[in-house]
Amino acid sequence: MSDEARLTAWVRGRVQGVGFRWFTRANALEIGELNGFARNTDDGRVQVVAEGPRENCHRLLAWLNSADTPGRVEGVTEIWDTPRGGYDGFAIR
């Protein structure tokens, strides 16, 4: 199994208008070695895509599922894949 991974997570709950994307980016930068983005979706969720070391992706996912996030997370749906690249840092979209 490769050490590099791509995590795509859809976070549902009260996660828009509460700084969720900003805190997700800050957490990804604190974890380190993660590239990707966080963006609001039209249905009220936040989509997070993170590529980097698998352990770091798991750390970000654990934070997304924790009580430390802004707003109120009701659930996280995740998909794991191989990295595709093309990201420069971790962006808010």
N, C-alpha and C. Protein backbone atom coordinates (compact mmCIF):
# COMPACT_ATOMS: atom_id res chain seq x y z
N MET A 1 0.84 -1.18 0.00
CA MET A 1 0.00 0.00 0.00
C MET A 1 0.89 1.24 0.00
N SER A 2 0.57 2.17 -0.87
CA SER A 2 1.36 3.39 -1.01
C SER A 2 1.23 4.25 0.24
N ASP A 3 2.31 4.96 0.55
CA ASP A 3 2.31 5.88 1.68
C ASP A 3 1.55 7.16 1.33
N GLU A 4 1.38 7.45 0.04
CA GLU A 4 0.67 8.65 -0.40
C GLU A 4 -0.79 8.32 -0.68
N ALA A 5 -1.69 9.22 -0.32
CA ALA A 5 -3.12 8.96 -0.49
C ALA A 5 -3.84 10.24 -0.90
N ARG A 6 -5.05 10.05 -1.41
CA ARG A 6 -5.96 11.15 -1.69
C ARG A 6 -7.24 10.88 -0.90
N LEU A 7 -7.59 11.82 -0.05
CA LEU A 7 -8.82 11.76 0.73
C LEU A 7 -9.79 12.78 0.16
N THR A 8 -10.98 12.33 -0.18
CA THR A 8 -12.07 13.25 -0.51
C THR A 8 -13.13 13.03 0.55
N ALA A 9 -13.49 14.11 1.25
CA ALA A 9 -14.48 14.02 2.32
C ALA A 9 -15.57 15.06 2.11
N TRP A 10 -16.81 14.64 2.35
CA TRP A 10 -17.94 15.55 2.31
C TRP A 10 -18.45 15.66 3.73
N VAL A 11 -18.42 16.87 4.26
CA VAL A 11 -18.79 17.11 5.66
C VAL A 11 -20.18 17.75 5.67
N ARG A 12 -21.10 17.11 6.41
CA ARG A 12 -22.45 17.66 6.47
C ARG A 12 -22.78 18.10 7.89
N GLY A 13 -23.72 19.03 7.98
CA GLY A 13 -24.11 19.63 9.26
C GLY A 13 -24.16 21.14 9.08
N ARG A 14 -23.94 21.85 10.16
CA ARG A 14 -23.86 23.31 10.08
C ARG A 14 -22.39 23.67 9.90
N VAL A 15 -21.95 23.64 8.64
CA VAL A 15 -20.53 23.79 8.34
C VAL A 15 -20.24 24.92 7.35
N GLN A 16 -21.26 25.66 6.96
CA GLN A 16 -21.04 26.83 6.10
C GLN A 16 -21.35 28.09 6.89
N GLY A 17 -20.56 29.12 6.66
CA GLY A 17 -20.76 30.39 7.36
C GLY A 17 -20.23 30.40 8.78
N VAL A 18 -19.38 29.43 9.12
CA VAL A 18 -18.84 29.33 10.49
C VAL A 18 -17.31 29.26 10.50
N GLY A 19 -16.67 29.53 9.36
CA GLY A 19 -15.21 29.47 9.28
C GLY A 19 -14.67 28.07 9.08
N PHE A 20 -15.54 27.15 8.68
CA PHE A 20 -15.12 25.74 8.57
C PHE A 20 -13.98 25.55 7.57
N ARG A 21 -14.11 26.16 6.40
CA ARG A 21 -13.05 25.99 5.38
C ARG A 21 -11.74 26.58 5.87
N TRP A 22 -11.79 27.74 6.52
CA TRP A 22 -10.57 28.39 7.01
C TRP A 22 -9.88 27.50 8.04
N PHE A 23 -10.65 26.99 8.99
CA PHE A 23 -10.06 26.12 10.02
C PHE A 23 -9.57 24.80 9.43
N THR A 24 -10.25 24.29 8.40
CA THR A 24 -9.78 23.07 7.74
C THR A 24 -8.43 23.31 7.10
N ARG A 25 -8.29 24.45 6.42
CA ARG A 25 -7.00 24.79 5.80
C ARG A 25 -5.93 24.95 6.86
N ALA A 26 -6.24 25.68 7.93
CA ALA A 26 -5.27 25.88 9.01
C ALA A 26 -4.83 24.55 9.61
N ASN A 27 -5.77 23.63 9.79
CA ASN A 27 -5.44 22.33 10.35
C ASN A 27 -4.59 21.52 9.38
N ALA A 28 -4.93 21.56 8.09
CA ALA A 28 -4.13 20.84 7.09
C ALA A 28 -2.69 21.37 7.06
N LEU A 29 -2.55 22.70 7.16
CA LEU A 29 -1.20 23.29 7.16
C LEU A 29 -0.44 22.91 8.43
N GLU A 30 -1.14 22.85 9.56
CA GLU A 30 -0.51 22.46 10.82
C GLU A 30 -0.06 21.00 10.77
N ILE A 31 -0.89 20.14 10.20
CA ILE A 31 -0.52 18.73 10.06
C ILE A 31 0.70 18.62 9.14
N GLY A 32 0.68 19.37 8.06
CA GLY A 32 1.83 19.43 7.15
C GLY A 32 1.77 18.41 6.03
N GLU A 33 2.46 18.75 4.95
CA GLU A 33 2.62 17.89 3.78
C GLU A 33 1.30 17.51 3.11
N LEU A 34 0.27 18.34 3.26
CA LEU A 34 -1.01 18.08 2.61
C LEU A 34 -1.29 19.16 1.58
N ASN A 35 -1.72 18.75 0.41
CA ASN A 35 -2.14 19.65 -0.65
C ASN A 35 -3.59 19.36 -0.97
N GLY A 36 -4.32 20.38 -1.39
CA GLY A 36 -5.71 20.16 -1.76
C GLY A 36 -6.53 21.41 -1.54
N PHE A 37 -7.78 21.22 -1.13
CA PHE A 37 -8.68 22.36 -0.96
C PHE A 37 -9.88 21.99 -0.09
N ALA A 38 -10.57 23.04 0.35
CA ALA A 38 -11.86 22.92 1.02
C ALA A 38 -12.80 23.89 0.32
N ARG A 39 -14.00 23.43 -0.02
CA ARG A 39 -14.95 24.31 -0.71
C ARG A 39 -16.37 24.01 -0.25
N ASN A 40 -17.19 25.06 -0.28
CA ASN A 40 -18.61 24.89 0.01
C ASN A 40 -19.29 24.27 -1.20
N THR A 41 -20.28 23.42 -0.97
CA THR A 41 -21.08 22.86 -2.06
C THR A 41 -22.47 23.49 -1.99
N ASP A 42 -23.19 23.41 -3.10
CA ASP A 42 -24.51 24.03 -3.19
C ASP A 42 -25.53 23.42 -2.22
N ASP A 43 -25.28 22.19 -1.78
CA ASP A 43 -26.25 21.53 -0.89
C ASP A 43 -25.94 21.73 0.59
N GLY A 44 -25.03 22.64 0.90
CA GLY A 44 -24.75 22.97 2.29
C GLY A 44 -23.60 22.21 2.94
N ARG A 45 -23.00 21.30 2.20
CA ARG A 45 -21.86 20.55 2.74
C ARG A 45 -20.56 21.29 2.43
N VAL A 46 -19.47 20.81 3.01
CA VAL A 46 -18.13 21.26 2.65
C VAL A 46 -17.40 20.04 2.09
N GLN A 47 -16.81 20.21 0.92
CA GLN A 47 -15.99 19.15 0.32
C GLN A 47 -14.53 19.45 0.64
N VAL A 48 -13.83 18.44 1.12
CA VAL A 48 -12.41 18.57 1.43
C VAL A 48 -11.66 17.53 0.62
N VAL A 49 -10.66 17.97 -0.13
CA VAL A 49 -9.77 17.07 -0.85
C VAL A 49 -8.37 17.30 -0.32
N ALA A 50 -7.74 16.22 0.14
CA ALA A 50 -6.38 16.33 0.69
C ALA A 50 -5.52 15.21 0.12
N GLU A 51 -4.35 15.58 -0.35
CA GLU A 51 -3.39 14.60 -0.85
C GLU A 51 -2.09 14.76 -0.08
N GLY A 52 -1.48 13.62 0.23
CA GLY A 52 -0.22 13.64 0.95
C GLY A 52 -0.01 12.31 1.65
N PRO A 53 0.88 12.28 2.63
CA PRO A 53 1.11 11.04 3.37
C PRO A 53 -0.21 10.52 3.96
N ARG A 54 -0.43 9.23 3.80
CA ARG A 54 -1.68 8.60 4.27
C ARG A 54 -1.96 8.92 5.74
N GLU A 55 -0.94 8.85 6.58
CA GLU A 55 -1.11 9.13 8.01
C GLU A 55 -1.61 10.56 8.22
N ASN A 56 -1.10 11.52 7.44
CA ASN A 56 -1.53 12.91 7.58
C ASN A 56 -2.98 13.09 7.12
N CYS A 57 -3.36 12.38 6.07
CA CYS A 57 -4.76 12.41 5.61
C CYS A 57 -5.68 11.85 6.70
N HIS A 58 -5.25 10.78 7.36
CA HIS A 58 -6.04 10.21 8.45
C HIS A 58 -6.15 11.19 9.61
N ARG A 59 -5.07 11.94 9.87
CA ARG A 59 -5.12 12.94 10.95
C ARG A 59 -6.13 14.04 10.62
N LEU A 60 -6.17 14.48 9.35
CA LEU A 60 -7.13 15.50 8.95
C LEU A 60 -8.55 14.95 9.06
N LEU A 61 -8.75 13.71 8.63
CA LEU A 61 -10.07 13.08 8.72
C LEU A 61 -10.52 12.97 10.18
N ALA A 62 -9.61 12.61 11.07
CA ALA A 62 -9.95 12.52 12.49
C ALA A 62 -10.39 13.88 13.02
N TRP A 63 -9.70 14.96 12.57
CA TRP A 63 -10.10 16.30 13.00
C TRP A 63 -11.48 16.64 12.45
N LEU A 64 -11.76 16.31 11.19
CA LEU A 64 -13.07 16.59 10.60
C LEU A 64 -14.19 15.91 11.39
N ASN A 65 -13.91 14.75 11.96
CA ASN A 65 -14.89 13.99 12.73
C ASN A 65 -14.92 14.37 14.21
N SER A 66 -14.04 15.27 14.62
CA SER A 66 -13.91 15.59 16.05
C SER A 66 -14.87 16.71 16.46
N ALA A 67 -14.90 16.95 17.76
CA ALA A 67 -15.72 18.05 18.30
C ALA A 67 -14.96 19.38 18.23
N ASP A 68 -13.74 19.38 17.68
CA ASP A 68 -12.91 20.59 17.63
C ASP A 68 -13.20 21.47 16.42
N THR A 69 -14.09 21.03 15.54
CA THR A 69 -14.38 21.80 14.34
C THR A 69 -15.37 22.93 14.66
N PRO A 70 -15.33 24.01 13.87
CA PRO A 70 -16.35 25.05 14.05
C PRO A 70 -17.70 24.53 13.53
N GLY A 71 -18.76 25.15 13.98
CA GLY A 71 -20.08 24.71 13.53
C GLY A 71 -20.48 23.41 14.20
N ARG A 72 -21.22 22.59 13.47
CA ARG A 72 -21.67 21.30 14.01
C ARG A 72 -21.61 20.26 12.90
N VAL A 73 -20.70 19.32 13.01
CA VAL A 73 -20.57 18.25 12.03
C VAL A 73 -21.55 17.14 12.39
N GLU A 74 -22.41 16.79 11.44
CA GLU A 74 -23.36 15.69 11.65
C GLU A 74 -22.87 14.39 11.04
N GLY A 75 -21.92 14.48 10.13
CA GLY A 75 -21.37 13.28 9.54
C GLY A 75 -20.36 13.60 8.46
N VAL A 76 -19.49 12.65 8.18
CA VAL A 76 -18.47 12.80 7.15
C VAL A 76 -18.48 11.55 6.27
N THR A 77 -18.61 11.75 4.97
CA THR A 77 -18.50 10.67 4.01
C THR A 77 -17.13 10.78 3.36
N GLU A 78 -16.41 9.67 3.29
CA GLU A 78 -15.04 9.72 2.78
C GLU A 78 -14.83 8.74 1.64
N ILE A 79 -13.95 9.11 0.73
CA ILE A 79 -13.50 8.23 -0.35
C ILE A 79 -11.98 8.33 -0.39
N TRP A 80 -11.33 7.19 -0.48
CA TRP A 80 -9.87 7.14 -0.58
C TRP A 80 -9.47 6.74 -1.99
N ASP A 81 -8.39 7.34 -2.48
CA ASP A 81 -7.93 7.08 -3.84
C ASP A 81 -6.43 7.34 -3.90
N THR A 82 -5.86 7.18 -5.08
CA THR A 82 -4.45 7.52 -5.27
C THR A 82 -4.35 9.00 -5.62
N PRO A 83 -3.28 9.67 -5.20
CA PRO A 83 -3.13 11.09 -5.49
C PRO A 83 -3.13 11.37 -6.99
N ARG A 84 -3.70 12.50 -7.37
CA ARG A 84 -3.72 12.93 -8.77
C ARG A 84 -2.77 14.10 -9.00
N GLY A 85 -2.41 14.80 -7.93
CA GLY A 85 -1.50 15.93 -8.05
C GLY A 85 -2.21 17.17 -8.61
N GLY A 86 -1.40 18.17 -8.90
CA GLY A 86 -1.93 19.40 -9.49
C GLY A 86 -2.31 20.46 -8.48
N TYR A 87 -2.08 20.23 -7.19
CA TYR A 87 -2.41 21.21 -6.17
C TYR A 87 -1.14 21.86 -5.67
N ASP A 88 -1.24 23.16 -5.44
CA ASP A 88 -0.10 23.92 -4.90
C ASP A 88 -0.52 24.41 -3.53
N GLY A 89 -0.17 23.66 -2.49
CA GLY A 89 -0.59 24.01 -1.15
C GLY A 89 -2.01 23.57 -0.86
N PHE A 90 -2.62 24.19 0.13
CA PHE A 90 -3.98 23.84 0.52
C PHE A 90 -4.82 25.11 0.43
N ALA A 91 -5.82 25.09 -0.43
CA ALA A 91 -6.57 26.30 -0.76
C ALA A 91 -7.99 26.27 -0.20
N ILE A 92 -8.55 27.47 -0.06
CA ILE A 92 -9.96 27.63 0.22
C ILE A 92 -10.59 28.04 -1.10
N ARG A 93 -11.61 27.31 -1.51
CA ARG A 93 -12.27 27.62 -2.77
C ARG A 93 -13.68 28.10 -2.52
